[in-house]
Every structure is written in C-alpha cells, then in structure tokens.
Amino acid sequence: MLQRRSFLKKSALTLGAIPVANLLASSSAWAAGEVEITEDDPMAMALGYKHSVDDVDTAKYPKYADGQLCDNCVQYKA
C-alpha cells in the first residue's frame, strides 16, 4: 500500500517531468534540420507566401491589412 509521503514524492516528480516532456515534444525543437522554403517554390507561390510582409502585393491580396504578421505560418521543406 502506498504511503502518503511516497505518493507525494512520485507526484512531484511526475509534475516536474511534464514541462520537460512538453519542451522535447515541441515542433520548434525538431525544426533545426528543415530548410526554409523559397518564394519561387510552387507551393509558396500558390499560397502567396512572402518572407517579409513588406513584399506582399496588396492589389493581389486585398484582405491583407497593415500590422498582419505571418510569424506562425513559415513554410519549410523536409
């Protein structure tokens, strides 16, 4: 039967391991081997992807508004 002290020790170790596991499982930790896609790539051209928001053609993409950032939509090749 588990004693209270043993249970608390194991619980503390488990709760301490969760952030470490989350860090190791994050996609940014494994993205080091991937290469950033070029703007001339067919997929990038179809999506209208640009490395810099200054290069966005507002006539072609009228929904673009100043201040929009694509920090979370960077395209990579495997």
N, C-alpha and C. Protein backbone atom coordinates (compact mmCIF):
# COMPACT_ATOMS: atom_id res chain seq x y z
N MET A 1 0.85 -1.18 0.00
CA MET A 1 0.00 0.00 0.00
C MET A 1 0.90 1.24 0.00
N LEU A 2 0.51 2.24 -0.76
CA LEU A 2 1.29 3.46 -0.85
C LEU A 2 1.12 4.31 0.40
N GLN A 3 2.22 4.84 0.83
CA GLN A 3 2.15 5.77 1.94
C GLN A 3 2.04 7.19 1.38
N ARG A 4 1.55 8.08 2.17
CA ARG A 4 1.32 9.45 1.75
C ARG A 4 2.61 10.12 1.28
N ARG A 5 3.70 9.92 1.99
CA ARG A 5 4.97 10.56 1.64
C ARG A 5 5.49 10.04 0.30
N SER A 6 5.38 8.74 0.07
CA SER A 6 5.80 8.14 -1.19
C SER A 6 4.95 8.67 -2.35
N PHE A 7 3.66 8.77 -2.12
CA PHE A 7 2.75 9.29 -3.14
C PHE A 7 3.09 10.74 -3.49
N LEU A 8 3.36 11.57 -2.50
CA LEU A 8 3.69 12.97 -2.75
C LEU A 8 5.01 13.11 -3.51
N LYS A 9 6.00 12.29 -3.20
CA LYS A 9 7.28 12.32 -3.90
C LYS A 9 7.09 11.97 -5.38
N LYS A 10 6.35 10.90 -5.62
CA LYS A 10 6.13 10.47 -7.00
C LYS A 10 5.30 11.49 -7.78
N SER A 11 4.34 12.10 -7.12
CA SER A 11 3.52 13.12 -7.76
C SER A 11 4.36 14.33 -8.13
N ALA A 12 5.26 14.75 -7.24
CA ALA A 12 6.12 15.90 -7.51
C ALA A 12 7.06 15.61 -8.68
N LEU A 13 7.61 14.42 -8.75
CA LEU A 13 8.48 14.06 -9.86
C LEU A 13 7.72 14.02 -11.18
N THR A 14 6.52 13.49 -11.15
CA THR A 14 5.71 13.42 -12.36
C THR A 14 5.34 14.82 -12.85
N LEU A 15 4.90 15.68 -11.94
CA LEU A 15 4.53 17.04 -12.32
C LEU A 15 5.74 17.83 -12.80
N GLY A 16 6.91 17.54 -12.28
CA GLY A 16 8.12 18.20 -12.73
C GLY A 16 8.57 17.74 -14.11
N ALA A 17 8.21 16.52 -14.48
CA ALA A 17 8.62 15.97 -15.78
C ALA A 17 7.72 16.46 -16.92
N ILE A 18 6.53 16.91 -16.63
CA ILE A 18 5.60 17.33 -17.68
C ILE A 18 6.16 18.50 -18.50
N PRO A 19 6.66 19.59 -17.90
CA PRO A 19 7.22 20.67 -18.73
C PRO A 19 8.42 20.24 -19.57
N VAL A 20 9.23 19.34 -19.04
CA VAL A 20 10.39 18.86 -19.80
C VAL A 20 9.91 18.06 -21.01
N ALA A 21 8.93 17.21 -20.82
CA ALA A 21 8.39 16.43 -21.93
C ALA A 21 7.75 17.33 -22.97
N ASN A 22 7.07 18.36 -22.54
CA ASN A 22 6.45 19.30 -23.46
C ASN A 22 7.51 20.03 -24.28
N LEU A 23 8.61 20.41 -23.66
CA LEU A 23 9.69 21.09 -24.36
C LEU A 23 10.31 20.18 -25.41
N LEU A 24 10.53 18.93 -25.07
CA LEU A 24 11.13 17.99 -26.01
C LEU A 24 10.19 17.65 -27.16
N ALA A 25 8.90 17.68 -26.92
CA ALA A 25 7.94 17.31 -27.95
C ALA A 25 7.54 18.48 -28.84
N SER A 26 7.94 19.70 -28.51
CA SER A 26 7.52 20.86 -29.30
C SER A 26 8.14 20.79 -30.69
N SER A 27 7.41 21.28 -31.68
CA SER A 27 7.87 21.19 -33.06
C SER A 27 9.08 22.07 -33.33
N SER A 28 9.22 23.18 -32.62
CA SER A 28 10.37 24.05 -32.85
C SER A 28 11.67 23.39 -32.42
N ALA A 29 11.61 22.46 -31.50
CA ALA A 29 12.81 21.76 -31.07
C ALA A 29 13.32 20.83 -32.16
N TRP A 30 12.44 20.37 -33.05
CA TRP A 30 12.83 19.43 -34.09
C TRP A 30 12.94 20.07 -35.46
N ALA A 31 12.76 21.37 -35.58
CA ALA A 31 12.76 22.05 -36.87
C ALA A 31 14.16 22.42 -37.35
N ALA A 32 15.19 22.09 -36.61
CA ALA A 32 16.55 22.51 -36.96
C ALA A 32 17.02 21.92 -38.29
N GLY A 33 16.57 20.73 -38.67
CA GLY A 33 17.04 20.10 -39.89
C GLY A 33 16.27 20.51 -41.13
N GLU A 34 15.29 21.34 -41.01
CA GLU A 34 14.46 21.72 -42.15
C GLU A 34 14.98 23.01 -42.78
N VAL A 35 14.71 23.18 -44.06
CA VAL A 35 15.17 24.34 -44.82
C VAL A 35 13.98 25.23 -45.13
N GLU A 36 14.16 26.53 -44.95
CA GLU A 36 13.07 27.48 -45.23
C GLU A 36 12.77 27.47 -46.73
N ILE A 37 11.51 27.47 -47.07
CA ILE A 37 11.07 27.41 -48.45
C ILE A 37 11.39 28.74 -49.15
N THR A 38 11.64 28.67 -50.45
CA THR A 38 11.90 29.89 -51.22
C THR A 38 10.58 30.45 -51.72
N GLU A 39 10.57 31.73 -52.04
CA GLU A 39 9.35 32.36 -52.54
C GLU A 39 9.03 31.91 -53.96
N ASP A 40 9.99 31.31 -54.67
CA ASP A 40 9.77 30.82 -56.03
C ASP A 40 9.19 29.41 -56.07
N ASP A 41 9.09 28.76 -54.93
CA ASP A 41 8.54 27.41 -54.85
C ASP A 41 7.07 27.45 -55.27
N PRO A 42 6.60 26.46 -56.05
CA PRO A 42 5.20 26.47 -56.49
C PRO A 42 4.18 26.54 -55.35
N MET A 43 4.45 25.84 -54.25
CA MET A 43 3.54 25.87 -53.11
C MET A 43 3.51 27.27 -52.50
N ALA A 44 4.67 27.89 -52.36
CA ALA A 44 4.75 29.24 -51.80
C ALA A 44 4.03 30.24 -52.69
N MET A 45 4.20 30.08 -53.99
CA MET A 45 3.53 30.99 -54.92
C MET A 45 2.01 30.81 -54.86
N ALA A 46 1.55 29.56 -54.72
CA ALA A 46 0.11 29.31 -54.64
C ALA A 46 -0.49 29.91 -53.38
N LEU A 47 0.29 29.91 -52.29
CA LEU A 47 -0.20 30.45 -51.02
C LEU A 47 0.04 31.95 -50.89
N GLY A 48 0.82 32.51 -51.81
CA GLY A 48 1.15 33.93 -51.71
C GLY A 48 2.13 34.20 -50.59
N TYR A 49 2.98 33.22 -50.30
CA TYR A 49 3.92 33.33 -49.18
C TYR A 49 5.04 34.31 -49.51
N LYS A 50 5.37 35.17 -48.56
CA LYS A 50 6.50 36.09 -48.64
C LYS A 50 7.28 36.01 -47.35
N HIS A 51 8.60 36.15 -47.45
CA HIS A 51 9.43 36.13 -46.26
C HIS A 51 9.21 37.39 -45.42
N SER A 52 8.91 38.49 -46.07
CA SER A 52 8.72 39.76 -45.38
C SER A 52 7.35 40.32 -45.75
N VAL A 53 6.66 40.89 -44.77
CA VAL A 53 5.34 41.47 -45.04
C VAL A 53 5.43 42.71 -45.93
N ASP A 54 6.62 43.28 -46.04
CA ASP A 54 6.80 44.45 -46.91
C ASP A 54 6.67 44.08 -48.39
N ASP A 55 6.83 42.80 -48.71
CA ASP A 55 6.78 42.34 -50.10
C ASP A 55 5.38 41.89 -50.54
N VAL A 56 4.39 41.96 -49.68
CA VAL A 56 3.04 41.50 -50.01
C VAL A 56 2.40 42.45 -51.02
N ASP A 57 1.86 41.86 -52.09
CA ASP A 57 1.18 42.63 -53.12
C ASP A 57 -0.27 42.86 -52.66
N THR A 58 -0.56 44.07 -52.20
CA THR A 58 -1.89 44.35 -51.66
C THR A 58 -2.96 44.40 -52.74
N ALA A 59 -2.59 44.60 -54.00
CA ALA A 59 -3.57 44.56 -55.08
C ALA A 59 -4.02 43.12 -55.33
N LYS A 60 -3.07 42.18 -55.23
CA LYS A 60 -3.40 40.77 -55.46
C LYS A 60 -4.07 40.15 -54.24
N TYR A 61 -3.72 40.65 -53.04
CA TYR A 61 -4.28 40.12 -51.79
C TYR A 61 -4.94 41.28 -51.03
N PRO A 62 -6.15 41.64 -51.42
CA PRO A 62 -6.80 42.81 -50.81
C PRO A 62 -7.18 42.62 -49.34
N LYS A 63 -7.24 41.39 -48.86
CA LYS A 63 -7.58 41.18 -47.44
C LYS A 63 -6.41 41.47 -46.51
N TYR A 64 -5.22 41.64 -47.08
CA TYR A 64 -4.06 41.96 -46.25
C TYR A 64 -4.23 43.35 -45.66
N ALA A 65 -3.95 43.48 -44.38
CA ALA A 65 -4.01 44.77 -43.70
C ALA A 65 -2.69 45.02 -42.99
N ASP A 66 -2.31 46.29 -42.90
CA ASP A 66 -1.08 46.64 -42.19
C ASP A 66 -1.13 46.10 -40.77
N GLY A 67 -0.02 45.58 -40.32
CA GLY A 67 0.05 45.03 -38.97
C GLY A 67 -0.11 43.53 -38.91
N GLN A 68 -0.56 42.90 -40.00
CA GLN A 68 -0.68 41.44 -40.01
C GLN A 68 0.71 40.84 -40.13
N LEU A 69 0.95 39.81 -39.36
CA LEU A 69 2.23 39.12 -39.39
C LEU A 69 2.01 37.65 -39.66
N CYS A 70 2.97 37.03 -40.27
CA CYS A 70 2.89 35.61 -40.56
C CYS A 70 3.95 34.86 -39.77
N ASP A 71 4.11 35.20 -38.51
CA ASP A 71 5.12 34.54 -37.69
C ASP A 71 4.83 33.06 -37.51
N ASN A 72 3.56 32.69 -37.56
CA ASN A 72 3.23 31.30 -37.29
C ASN A 72 2.97 30.50 -38.56
N CYS A 73 3.20 31.08 -39.74
CA CYS A 73 2.93 30.33 -40.97
C CYS A 73 4.17 30.24 -41.84
N VAL A 74 5.33 30.14 -41.26
CA VAL A 74 6.57 29.98 -42.01
C VAL A 74 6.56 28.61 -42.67
N GLN A 75 6.88 28.56 -43.94
CA GLN A 75 6.85 27.32 -44.69
C GLN A 75 8.24 26.70 -44.74
N TYR A 76 8.32 25.39 -44.55
CA TYR A 76 9.58 24.66 -44.57
C TYR A 76 9.49 23.46 -45.49
N LYS A 77 10.63 23.08 -46.05
CA LYS A 77 10.74 21.85 -46.82
C LYS A 77 11.41 20.80 -45.97
N ALA A 78 10.95 19.59 -46.07
CA ALA A 78 11.55 18.49 -45.30
C ALA A 78 12.75 17.94 -46.01
